[in-house]
Amino acid sequence: MPSRSTNTNTHTDKARATGQSGSERDTSAQRDGMTQRDHAEVQRFLDRFASAMTSGDTHAVAQLWEAPAFVIDDRDSIAVPNLEAVEHFFAGAKDQYNAQGITTTKAEIVDLDWVSDNLVVARVRWPYLDDAGNTRGAESSSYTLKRNRDGDFKLRVVLMRGVEVAGKHGKN
């Protein structure tokens, strides 16, 4: 946690200048610091997720989740009771993407909404990339990540936003 200024006059003067009470200003500063500090950690988590997905390693994908979890899109709502269900859910995903000429992707974080130190909602765009690195479309989802007892992020909720419509970001 950031240390607080011991000079209360300076602290009060800065708060007045921004139109915030001292406690509002402190909360805002802590939240901004948390976002900057943990952005890279969320990116690393999503990079591991992308690598596991595009390699077809469903066991590695499942290890990034904690059950129970939940997946929802405009057609279905799926309760995920255990990690075996995660593996089953992602079985064949690599082949489905490869059949469309999509061989890889990378997580493009659009937004991070920090609910607390241990809970973040990440809005992510996933470009569809072919062997030559050309973008062949994209999809986006929001992921609720929660730190476990070891401090590692685990995926708990997925909101699948859908495939982008050509020329715009579709249902994003």
N, C-alpha and C. Protein backbone atom coordinates (compact mmCIF):
# COMPACT_ATOMS: atom_id res chain seq x y z
N MET A 1 0.85 -1.18 0.00
CA MET A 1 0.00 0.00 0.00
C MET A 1 0.89 1.24 0.00
N PRO A 2 0.57 2.25 -0.82
CA PRO A 2 1.40 3.45 -0.86
C PRO A 2 1.41 4.16 0.49
N SER A 3 2.55 4.76 0.81
CA SER A 3 2.61 5.49 2.07
C SER A 3 1.86 6.81 1.92
N ARG A 4 1.30 7.26 3.01
CA ARG A 4 0.56 8.53 3.01
C ARG A 4 1.51 9.66 3.39
N SER A 5 1.22 10.82 2.86
CA SER A 5 2.01 12.01 3.16
C SER A 5 1.85 12.37 4.63
N THR A 6 2.95 12.72 5.28
CA THR A 6 2.87 13.15 6.67
C THR A 6 2.58 14.64 6.76
N ASN A 7 2.68 15.36 5.66
CA ASN A 7 2.39 16.78 5.66
C ASN A 7 0.91 16.97 5.30
N THR A 8 0.07 17.12 6.31
CA THR A 8 -1.38 17.17 6.08
C THR A 8 -1.79 18.42 5.32
N ASN A 9 -1.08 19.53 5.47
CA ASN A 9 -1.44 20.73 4.72
C ASN A 9 -1.25 20.52 3.22
N THR A 10 -0.13 19.94 2.83
CA THR A 10 0.11 19.67 1.42
C THR A 10 -0.92 18.70 0.89
N HIS A 11 -1.21 17.65 1.65
CA HIS A 11 -2.19 16.64 1.26
C HIS A 11 -3.57 17.29 1.09
N THR A 12 -3.96 18.13 2.03
CA THR A 12 -5.26 18.79 1.98
C THR A 12 -5.32 19.77 0.82
N ASP A 13 -4.22 20.54 0.61
CA ASP A 13 -4.19 21.49 -0.50
C ASP A 13 -4.33 20.79 -1.85
N LYS A 14 -3.65 19.63 -2.03
CA LYS A 14 -3.75 18.88 -3.28
C LYS A 14 -5.16 18.34 -3.47
N ALA A 15 -5.77 17.87 -2.40
CA ALA A 15 -7.13 17.34 -2.49
C ALA A 15 -8.10 18.45 -2.88
N ARG A 16 -7.96 19.63 -2.26
CA ARG A 16 -8.83 20.76 -2.61
C ARG A 16 -8.66 21.16 -4.06
N ALA A 17 -7.42 21.16 -4.53
CA ALA A 17 -7.14 21.56 -5.91
C ALA A 17 -7.79 20.62 -6.92
N THR A 18 -7.93 19.34 -6.57
CA THR A 18 -8.56 18.38 -7.48
C THR A 18 -10.04 18.23 -7.23
N GLY A 19 -10.57 18.89 -6.19
CA GLY A 19 -11.99 18.79 -5.89
C GLY A 19 -12.36 17.49 -5.21
N GLN A 20 -11.36 16.80 -4.64
CA GLN A 20 -11.62 15.52 -3.99
C GLN A 20 -11.30 15.63 -2.51
N SER A 21 -11.99 14.83 -1.72
CA SER A 21 -11.61 14.72 -0.31
C SER A 21 -10.32 13.92 -0.27
N GLY A 22 -9.62 13.99 0.83
CA GLY A 22 -8.37 13.24 0.97
C GLY A 22 -8.55 11.76 0.75
N SER A 23 -9.61 11.16 1.28
CA SER A 23 -9.80 9.72 1.14
C SER A 23 -10.12 9.34 -0.30
N GLU A 24 -10.85 10.18 -1.04
CA GLU A 24 -11.15 9.88 -2.45
C GLU A 24 -9.86 9.91 -3.26
N ARG A 25 -9.02 10.89 -2.99
CA ARG A 25 -7.77 11.01 -3.72
C ARG A 25 -6.88 9.81 -3.45
N ASP A 26 -6.77 9.38 -2.20
CA ASP A 26 -5.93 8.23 -1.86
C ASP A 26 -6.44 6.98 -2.56
N THR A 27 -7.74 6.73 -2.55
CA THR A 27 -8.31 5.56 -3.19
C THR A 27 -8.00 5.57 -4.68
N SER A 28 -8.17 6.73 -5.31
CA SER A 28 -7.90 6.85 -6.73
C SER A 28 -6.43 6.57 -7.03
N ALA A 29 -5.52 7.07 -6.22
CA ALA A 29 -4.09 6.85 -6.43
C ALA A 29 -3.75 5.38 -6.26
N GLN A 30 -4.31 4.72 -5.25
CA GLN A 30 -4.04 3.31 -5.02
C GLN A 30 -4.56 2.49 -6.20
N ARG A 31 -5.75 2.81 -6.68
CA ARG A 31 -6.33 2.06 -7.80
C ARG A 31 -5.48 2.25 -9.06
N ASP A 32 -5.02 3.49 -9.34
CA ASP A 32 -4.18 3.73 -10.51
C ASP A 32 -2.88 2.96 -10.39
N GLY A 33 -2.27 2.93 -9.23
CA GLY A 33 -1.03 2.19 -9.01
C GLY A 33 -1.23 0.71 -9.22
N MET A 34 -2.36 0.19 -8.76
CA MET A 34 -2.65 -1.22 -8.90
C MET A 34 -2.78 -1.57 -10.39
N THR A 35 -3.43 -0.74 -11.15
CA THR A 35 -3.63 -0.99 -12.58
C THR A 35 -2.29 -1.04 -13.29
N GLN A 36 -1.42 -0.09 -13.01
CA GLN A 36 -0.11 -0.05 -13.65
C GLN A 36 0.74 -1.25 -13.25
N ARG A 37 0.72 -1.58 -11.98
CA ARG A 37 1.56 -2.66 -11.45
C ARG A 37 1.14 -4.02 -12.00
N ASP A 38 -0.15 -4.25 -12.10
CA ASP A 38 -0.64 -5.58 -12.43
C ASP A 38 -1.01 -5.79 -13.89
N HIS A 39 -0.98 -4.73 -14.70
CA HIS A 39 -1.31 -4.87 -16.13
C HIS A 39 -0.43 -5.95 -16.77
N ALA A 40 0.86 -5.91 -16.49
CA ALA A 40 1.79 -6.88 -17.07
C ALA A 40 1.47 -8.30 -16.61
N GLU A 41 1.06 -8.44 -15.36
CA GLU A 41 0.71 -9.78 -14.85
C GLU A 41 -0.52 -10.33 -15.57
N VAL A 42 -1.51 -9.48 -15.81
CA VAL A 42 -2.70 -9.91 -16.55
C VAL A 42 -2.30 -10.26 -17.98
N GLN A 43 -1.44 -9.45 -18.61
CA GLN A 43 -0.99 -9.74 -19.97
C GLN A 43 -0.29 -11.09 -20.02
N ARG A 44 0.58 -11.38 -19.04
CA ARG A 44 1.28 -12.68 -19.02
C ARG A 44 0.28 -13.83 -18.89
N PHE A 45 -0.74 -13.67 -18.06
CA PHE A 45 -1.77 -14.69 -17.91
C PHE A 45 -2.45 -14.94 -19.26
N LEU A 46 -2.85 -13.87 -19.93
CA LEU A 46 -3.53 -13.99 -21.22
C LEU A 46 -2.61 -14.57 -22.30
N ASP A 47 -1.33 -14.24 -22.25
CA ASP A 47 -0.37 -14.81 -23.19
C ASP A 47 -0.26 -16.33 -23.00
N ARG A 48 -0.24 -16.78 -21.73
CA ARG A 48 -0.22 -18.23 -21.45
C ARG A 48 -1.50 -18.89 -21.99
N PHE A 49 -2.63 -18.21 -21.80
CA PHE A 49 -3.91 -18.71 -22.29
C PHE A 49 -3.86 -18.86 -23.82
N ALA A 50 -3.38 -17.83 -24.52
CA ALA A 50 -3.29 -17.86 -25.97
C ALA A 50 -2.37 -18.98 -26.45
N SER A 51 -1.24 -19.13 -25.80
CA SER A 51 -0.28 -20.16 -26.17
C SER A 51 -0.87 -21.56 -26.01
N ALA A 52 -1.54 -21.78 -24.89
CA ALA A 52 -2.16 -23.09 -24.64
C ALA A 52 -3.26 -23.37 -25.65
N MET A 53 -4.08 -22.36 -25.94
CA MET A 53 -5.17 -22.52 -26.90
C MET A 53 -4.66 -22.85 -28.29
N THR A 54 -3.71 -22.06 -28.78
CA THR A 54 -3.26 -22.22 -30.16
C THR A 54 -2.40 -23.47 -30.35
N SER A 55 -1.86 -24.01 -29.26
CA SER A 55 -1.09 -25.26 -29.36
C SER A 55 -1.99 -26.48 -29.16
N GLY A 56 -3.23 -26.25 -28.74
CA GLY A 56 -4.14 -27.36 -28.49
C GLY A 56 -3.91 -28.06 -27.17
N ASP A 57 -3.19 -27.43 -26.26
CA ASP A 57 -2.88 -28.02 -24.96
C ASP A 57 -4.03 -27.75 -23.98
N THR A 58 -5.05 -28.58 -24.04
CA THR A 58 -6.24 -28.35 -23.21
C THR A 58 -5.95 -28.50 -21.73
N HIS A 59 -4.97 -29.32 -21.37
CA HIS A 59 -4.60 -29.44 -19.96
C HIS A 59 -4.02 -28.12 -19.44
N ALA A 60 -3.16 -27.50 -20.23
CA ALA A 60 -2.58 -26.20 -19.84
C ALA A 60 -3.67 -25.13 -19.77
N VAL A 61 -4.63 -25.16 -20.71
CA VAL A 61 -5.75 -24.22 -20.65
C VAL A 61 -6.49 -24.40 -19.34
N ALA A 62 -6.82 -25.65 -19.00
CA ALA A 62 -7.59 -25.94 -17.78
C ALA A 62 -6.87 -25.47 -16.52
N GLN A 63 -5.54 -25.53 -16.51
CA GLN A 63 -4.78 -25.12 -15.33
C GLN A 63 -4.87 -23.62 -15.07
N LEU A 64 -5.34 -22.86 -16.05
CA LEU A 64 -5.51 -21.42 -15.88
C LEU A 64 -6.87 -21.07 -15.28
N TRP A 65 -7.72 -22.06 -15.10
CA TRP A 65 -9.07 -21.87 -14.58
C TRP A 65 -9.15 -22.33 -13.13
N GLU A 66 -10.21 -21.88 -12.47
CA GLU A 66 -10.60 -22.41 -11.17
C GLU A 66 -12.09 -22.66 -11.23
N ALA A 67 -12.48 -23.85 -10.82
CA ALA A 67 -13.90 -24.22 -10.85
C ALA A 67 -14.48 -24.10 -9.44
N PRO A 68 -15.77 -23.78 -9.36
CA PRO A 68 -16.68 -23.62 -10.48
C PRO A 68 -16.42 -22.30 -11.21
N ALA A 69 -16.75 -22.33 -12.49
CA ALA A 69 -16.60 -21.15 -13.34
C ALA A 69 -17.85 -21.04 -14.22
N PHE A 70 -17.90 -19.99 -15.03
CA PHE A 70 -19.09 -19.75 -15.82
C PHE A 70 -18.71 -19.12 -17.15
N VAL A 71 -19.34 -19.58 -18.23
CA VAL A 71 -19.13 -19.03 -19.57
C VAL A 71 -20.49 -18.65 -20.12
N ILE A 72 -20.59 -17.44 -20.67
CA ILE A 72 -21.85 -16.98 -21.22
C ILE A 72 -21.61 -16.23 -22.53
N ASP A 73 -22.52 -16.45 -23.48
CA ASP A 73 -22.56 -15.65 -24.70
C ASP A 73 -24.02 -15.41 -25.04
N ASP A 74 -24.29 -14.87 -26.22
CA ASP A 74 -25.68 -14.54 -26.54
C ASP A 74 -26.55 -15.76 -26.83
N ARG A 75 -25.95 -16.95 -26.93
CA ARG A 75 -26.71 -18.17 -27.18
C ARG A 75 -26.79 -19.11 -26.00
N ASP A 76 -25.71 -19.21 -25.24
CA ASP A 76 -25.62 -20.22 -24.18
C ASP A 76 -25.09 -19.65 -22.88
N SER A 77 -25.39 -20.35 -21.82
CA SER A 77 -24.81 -20.12 -20.50
C SER A 77 -24.32 -21.47 -20.01
N ILE A 78 -23.03 -21.56 -19.70
CA ILE A 78 -22.44 -22.85 -19.36
C ILE A 78 -21.79 -22.77 -17.99
N ALA A 79 -22.28 -23.58 -17.07
CA ALA A 79 -21.63 -23.72 -15.77
C ALA A 79 -20.47 -24.71 -15.95
N VAL A 80 -19.33 -24.36 -15.43
CA VAL A 80 -18.14 -25.20 -15.56
C VAL A 80 -17.83 -25.76 -14.17
N PRO A 81 -18.20 -27.01 -13.93
CA PRO A 81 -18.11 -27.56 -12.58
C PRO A 81 -16.70 -27.97 -12.14
N ASN A 82 -15.81 -28.29 -13.12
CA ASN A 82 -14.48 -28.78 -12.76
C ASN A 82 -13.53 -28.57 -13.94
N LEU A 83 -12.25 -28.83 -13.71
CA LEU A 83 -11.25 -28.58 -14.75
C LEU A 83 -11.36 -29.56 -15.91
N GLU A 84 -11.87 -30.76 -15.65
CA GLU A 84 -12.09 -31.72 -16.74
C GLU A 84 -13.10 -31.15 -17.75
N ALA A 85 -14.09 -30.44 -17.25
CA ALA A 85 -15.08 -29.80 -18.14
C ALA A 85 -14.42 -28.72 -18.99
N VAL A 86 -13.43 -28.02 -18.43
CA VAL A 86 -12.69 -27.01 -19.20
C VAL A 86 -11.95 -27.70 -20.35
N GLU A 87 -11.26 -28.80 -20.04
CA GLU A 87 -10.54 -29.53 -21.08
C GLU A 87 -11.49 -29.99 -22.18
N HIS A 88 -12.64 -30.52 -21.80
CA HIS A 88 -13.63 -30.98 -22.76
C HIS A 88 -14.14 -29.81 -23.61
N PHE A 89 -14.41 -28.68 -22.96
CA PHE A 89 -14.91 -27.49 -23.64
C PHE A 89 -13.96 -27.02 -24.74
N PHE A 90 -12.64 -27.09 -24.49
CA PHE A 90 -11.65 -26.59 -25.44
C PHE A 90 -11.09 -27.65 -26.38
N ALA A 91 -11.49 -28.91 -26.20
CA ALA A 91 -11.04 -29.98 -27.10
C ALA A 91 -11.52 -29.66 -28.52
N GLY A 92 -10.61 -29.69 -29.46
CA GLY A 92 -10.98 -29.44 -30.85
C GLY A 92 -10.95 -27.98 -31.25
N ALA A 93 -10.78 -27.06 -30.30
CA ALA A 93 -10.77 -25.62 -30.64
C ALA A 93 -9.65 -25.28 -31.62
N LYS A 94 -8.46 -25.83 -31.37
CA LYS A 94 -7.32 -25.56 -32.25
C LYS A 94 -7.65 -26.00 -33.67
N ASP A 95 -8.20 -27.19 -33.83
CA ASP A 95 -8.53 -27.69 -35.17
C ASP A 95 -9.59 -26.84 -35.85
N GLN A 96 -10.58 -26.36 -35.08
CA GLN A 96 -11.62 -25.50 -35.65
C GLN A 96 -11.03 -24.19 -36.18
N TYR A 97 -10.13 -23.59 -35.40
CA TYR A 97 -9.49 -22.35 -35.85
C TYR A 97 -8.57 -22.62 -37.05
N ASN A 98 -7.77 -23.70 -36.97
CA ASN A 98 -6.85 -24.03 -38.06
C ASN A 98 -7.59 -24.27 -39.37
N ALA A 99 -8.78 -24.86 -39.31
CA ALA A 99 -9.59 -25.11 -40.51
C ALA A 99 -9.98 -23.80 -41.21
N GLN A 100 -9.97 -22.70 -40.46
CA GLN A 100 -10.29 -21.39 -41.03
C GLN A 100 -9.02 -20.61 -41.41
N GLY A 101 -7.86 -21.27 -41.30
CA GLY A 101 -6.60 -20.61 -41.63
C GLY A 101 -6.03 -19.80 -40.47
N ILE A 102 -6.61 -19.93 -39.30
CA ILE A 102 -6.16 -19.20 -38.11
C ILE A 102 -5.20 -20.10 -37.34
N THR A 103 -3.96 -19.63 -37.17
CA THR A 103 -2.96 -20.46 -36.50
C THR A 103 -2.50 -19.91 -35.16
N THR A 104 -2.71 -18.62 -34.94
CA THR A 104 -2.28 -18.04 -33.67
C THR A 104 -3.11 -16.79 -33.36
N THR A 105 -2.87 -16.27 -32.19
CA THR A 105 -3.52 -15.03 -31.76
C THR A 105 -2.65 -14.40 -30.69
N LYS A 106 -3.03 -13.22 -30.29
CA LYS A 106 -2.35 -12.55 -29.18
C LYS A 106 -3.42 -11.74 -28.44
N ALA A 107 -3.27 -11.66 -27.16
CA ALA A 107 -4.24 -10.92 -26.34
C ALA A 107 -3.96 -9.43 -26.44
N GLU A 108 -4.98 -8.69 -26.86
CA GLU A 108 -4.90 -7.22 -26.87
C GLU A 108 -5.85 -6.73 -25.79
N ILE A 109 -5.30 -6.30 -24.67
CA ILE A 109 -6.13 -5.83 -23.57
C ILE A 109 -6.76 -4.50 -23.95
N VAL A 110 -8.08 -4.47 -23.94
CA VAL A 110 -8.82 -3.26 -24.26
C VAL A 110 -9.07 -2.45 -22.99
N ASP A 111 -9.37 -3.15 -21.90
CA ASP A 111 -9.68 -2.48 -20.64
C ASP A 111 -9.46 -3.44 -19.48
N LEU A 112 -9.04 -2.89 -18.35
CA LEU A 112 -8.96 -3.64 -17.10
C LEU A 112 -9.79 -2.90 -16.07
N ASP A 113 -10.73 -3.60 -15.48
CA ASP A 113 -11.57 -3.04 -14.43
C ASP A 113 -11.21 -3.75 -13.13
N TRP A 114 -10.43 -3.07 -12.29
CA TRP A 114 -9.98 -3.65 -11.02
C TRP A 114 -11.09 -3.50 -9.99
N VAL A 115 -11.67 -4.60 -9.61
CA VAL A 115 -12.71 -4.61 -8.58
C VAL A 115 -12.05 -4.54 -7.21
N SER A 116 -10.92 -5.22 -7.06
CA SER A 116 -10.12 -5.21 -5.83
C SER A 116 -8.71 -5.66 -6.21
N ASP A 117 -7.83 -5.77 -5.22
CA ASP A 117 -6.47 -6.26 -5.48
C ASP A 117 -6.47 -7.67 -6.07
N ASN A 118 -7.51 -8.44 -5.75
CA ASN A 118 -7.55 -9.85 -6.13
C ASN A 118 -8.54 -10.18 -7.24
N LEU A 119 -9.24 -9.18 -7.76
CA LEU A 119 -10.30 -9.43 -8.73
C LEU A 119 -10.28 -8.37 -9.83
N VAL A 120 -10.17 -8.83 -11.07
CA VAL A 120 -10.12 -7.91 -12.21
C VAL A 120 -10.96 -8.48 -13.35
N VAL A 121 -11.62 -7.58 -14.08
CA VAL A 121 -12.33 -7.95 -15.29
C VAL A 121 -11.52 -7.38 -16.45
N ALA A 122 -11.04 -8.27 -17.31
CA ALA A 122 -10.21 -7.88 -18.45
C ALA A 122 -11.03 -8.01 -19.73
N ARG A 123 -11.15 -6.91 -20.46
CA ARG A 123 -11.81 -6.94 -21.77
C ARG A 123 -10.70 -7.11 -22.79
N VAL A 124 -10.81 -8.15 -23.62
CA VAL A 124 -9.70 -8.55 -24.49
C VAL A 124 -10.18 -8.75 -25.93
N ARG A 125 -9.39 -8.24 -26.85
CA ARG A 125 -9.60 -8.49 -28.28
C ARG A 125 -8.58 -9.54 -28.71
N TRP A 126 -9.05 -10.54 -29.47
CA TRP A 126 -8.19 -11.61 -29.97
C TRP A 126 -8.18 -11.57 -31.50
N PRO A 127 -7.15 -10.99 -32.13
CA PRO A 127 -7.08 -11.02 -33.60
C PRO A 127 -6.81 -12.45 -34.07
N TYR A 128 -7.45 -12.83 -35.16
CA TYR A 128 -7.20 -14.13 -35.80
C TYR A 128 -6.02 -13.96 -36.72
N LEU A 129 -4.91 -14.64 -36.46
CA LEU A 129 -3.70 -14.49 -37.25
C LEU A 129 -3.40 -15.78 -38.01
N ASP A 130 -2.98 -15.63 -39.28
CA ASP A 130 -2.59 -16.79 -40.07
C ASP A 130 -1.08 -17.01 -39.94
N ASP A 131 -0.56 -18.00 -40.68
CA ASP A 131 0.87 -18.34 -40.61
C ASP A 131 1.79 -17.17 -40.95
N ALA A 132 1.31 -16.28 -41.81
CA ALA A 132 2.12 -15.14 -42.23
C ALA A 132 1.96 -13.95 -41.28
N GLY A 133 1.12 -14.09 -40.26
CA GLY A 133 0.90 -13.00 -39.31
C GLY A 133 -0.17 -12.02 -39.76
N ASN A 134 -0.88 -12.35 -40.83
CA ASN A 134 -1.96 -11.49 -41.31
C ASN A 134 -3.21 -11.68 -40.46
N THR A 135 -3.91 -10.59 -40.20
CA THR A 135 -5.15 -10.65 -39.42
C THR A 135 -6.28 -11.08 -40.35
N ARG A 136 -7.00 -12.12 -39.91
CA ARG A 136 -8.11 -12.66 -40.69
C ARG A 136 -9.45 -12.46 -39.98
N GLY A 137 -9.50 -11.51 -39.09
CA GLY A 137 -10.70 -11.25 -38.30
C GLY A 137 -10.30 -11.14 -36.84
N ALA A 138 -11.31 -11.14 -35.96
CA ALA A 138 -11.03 -11.06 -34.53
C ALA A 138 -12.30 -11.37 -33.75
N GLU A 139 -12.11 -11.67 -32.50
CA GLU A 139 -13.23 -11.82 -31.57
C GLU A 139 -12.82 -11.17 -30.26
N SER A 140 -13.78 -10.97 -29.39
CA SER A 140 -13.44 -10.40 -28.09
C SER A 140 -14.26 -11.05 -26.99
N SER A 141 -13.70 -11.00 -25.81
CA SER A 141 -14.33 -11.56 -24.61
C SER A 141 -13.90 -10.73 -23.41
N SER A 142 -14.67 -10.86 -22.35
CA SER A 142 -14.28 -10.30 -21.06
C SER A 142 -14.05 -11.46 -20.11
N TYR A 143 -12.98 -11.36 -19.33
CA TYR A 143 -12.58 -12.42 -18.42
C TYR A 143 -12.53 -11.88 -17.00
N THR A 144 -13.21 -12.55 -16.10
CA THR A 144 -13.09 -12.22 -14.69
C THR A 144 -12.01 -13.12 -14.12
N LEU A 145 -10.93 -12.50 -13.66
CA LEU A 145 -9.80 -13.21 -13.10
C LEU A 145 -9.74 -12.95 -11.60
N LYS A 146 -9.54 -14.00 -10.83
CA LYS A 146 -9.45 -13.88 -9.38
C LYS A 146 -8.17 -14.56 -8.92
N ARG A 147 -7.46 -13.89 -8.02
CA ARG A 147 -6.24 -14.50 -7.47
C ARG A 147 -6.63 -15.64 -6.53
N ASN A 148 -5.88 -16.74 -6.63
CA ASN A 148 -6.10 -17.85 -5.69
C ASN A 148 -5.24 -17.64 -4.45
N ARG A 149 -5.22 -18.61 -3.58
CA ARG A 149 -4.45 -18.48 -2.32
C ARG A 149 -2.96 -18.30 -2.54
N ASP A 150 -2.47 -18.79 -3.68
CA ASP A 150 -1.04 -18.65 -4.01
C ASP A 150 -0.73 -17.31 -4.68
N GLY A 151 -1.78 -16.51 -4.94
CA GLY A 151 -1.58 -15.22 -5.58
C GLY A 151 -1.63 -15.26 -7.09
N ASP A 152 -1.93 -16.43 -7.67
CA ASP A 152 -2.00 -16.57 -9.12
C ASP A 152 -3.41 -16.26 -9.60
N PHE A 153 -3.51 -15.58 -10.75
CA PHE A 153 -4.81 -15.35 -11.35
C PHE A 153 -5.37 -16.66 -11.88
N LYS A 154 -6.66 -16.85 -11.69
CA LYS A 154 -7.39 -17.98 -12.26
C LYS A 154 -8.64 -17.42 -12.92
N LEU A 155 -8.99 -18.00 -14.05
CA LEU A 155 -10.15 -17.56 -14.79
C LEU A 155 -11.41 -18.11 -14.12
N ARG A 156 -12.38 -17.23 -13.86
CA ARG A 156 -13.61 -17.64 -13.17
C ARG A 156 -14.87 -17.42 -14.00
N VAL A 157 -14.91 -16.33 -14.80
CA VAL A 157 -16.09 -16.03 -15.61
C VAL A 157 -15.62 -15.52 -16.98
N VAL A 158 -16.27 -16.03 -18.04
CA VAL A 158 -16.00 -15.56 -19.39
C VAL A 158 -17.30 -15.05 -19.99
N LEU A 159 -17.26 -13.83 -20.49
CA LEU A 159 -18.35 -13.26 -21.28
C LEU A 159 -17.83 -13.19 -22.71
N MET A 160 -18.36 -14.05 -23.56
CA MET A 160 -17.92 -14.09 -24.96
C MET A 160 -18.70 -13.04 -25.73
N ARG A 161 -17.99 -12.02 -26.22
CA ARG A 161 -18.62 -10.89 -26.89
C ARG A 161 -18.86 -11.13 -28.37
N GLY A 162 -18.15 -12.08 -28.95
CA GLY A 162 -18.42 -12.46 -30.33
C GLY A 162 -17.35 -12.06 -31.31
N VAL A 163 -17.60 -12.46 -32.54
CA VAL A 163 -16.70 -12.20 -33.66
C VAL A 163 -16.95 -10.79 -34.17
N GLU A 164 -15.88 -10.10 -34.50
CA GLU A 164 -16.00 -8.75 -35.06
C GLU A 164 -16.60 -8.80 -36.45
N VAL A 165 -17.44 -7.85 -36.74
CA VAL A 165 -17.98 -7.67 -38.07
C VAL A 165 -16.93 -6.89 -38.86
N ALA A 166 -16.74 -7.23 -40.13
CA ALA A 166 -15.73 -6.56 -40.96
C ALA A 166 -15.88 -5.05 -40.89
N GLY A 167 -14.78 -4.37 -40.59
CA GLY A 167 -14.77 -2.92 -40.56
C GLY A 167 -15.19 -2.29 -39.24
N LYS A 168 -15.70 -3.08 -38.32
CA LYS A 168 -16.04 -2.53 -37.00
C LYS A 168 -15.91 -3.63 -35.95
N HIS A 169 -15.99 -3.26 -34.73
CA HIS A 169 -15.77 -4.21 -33.64
C HIS A 169 -17.06 -4.89 -33.20
N GLY A 170 -17.98 -5.09 -34.08
CA GLY A 170 -19.17 -5.91 -33.83
C GLY A 170 -19.86 -5.66 -32.53
N LYS A 171 -20.09 -6.70 -31.76
CA LYS A 171 -20.85 -6.64 -30.52
C LYS A 171 -20.00 -6.21 -29.33
N ASN A 172 -18.80 -5.79 -29.58
CA ASN A 172 -17.87 -5.46 -28.50
C ASN A 172 -18.44 -4.36 -27.68
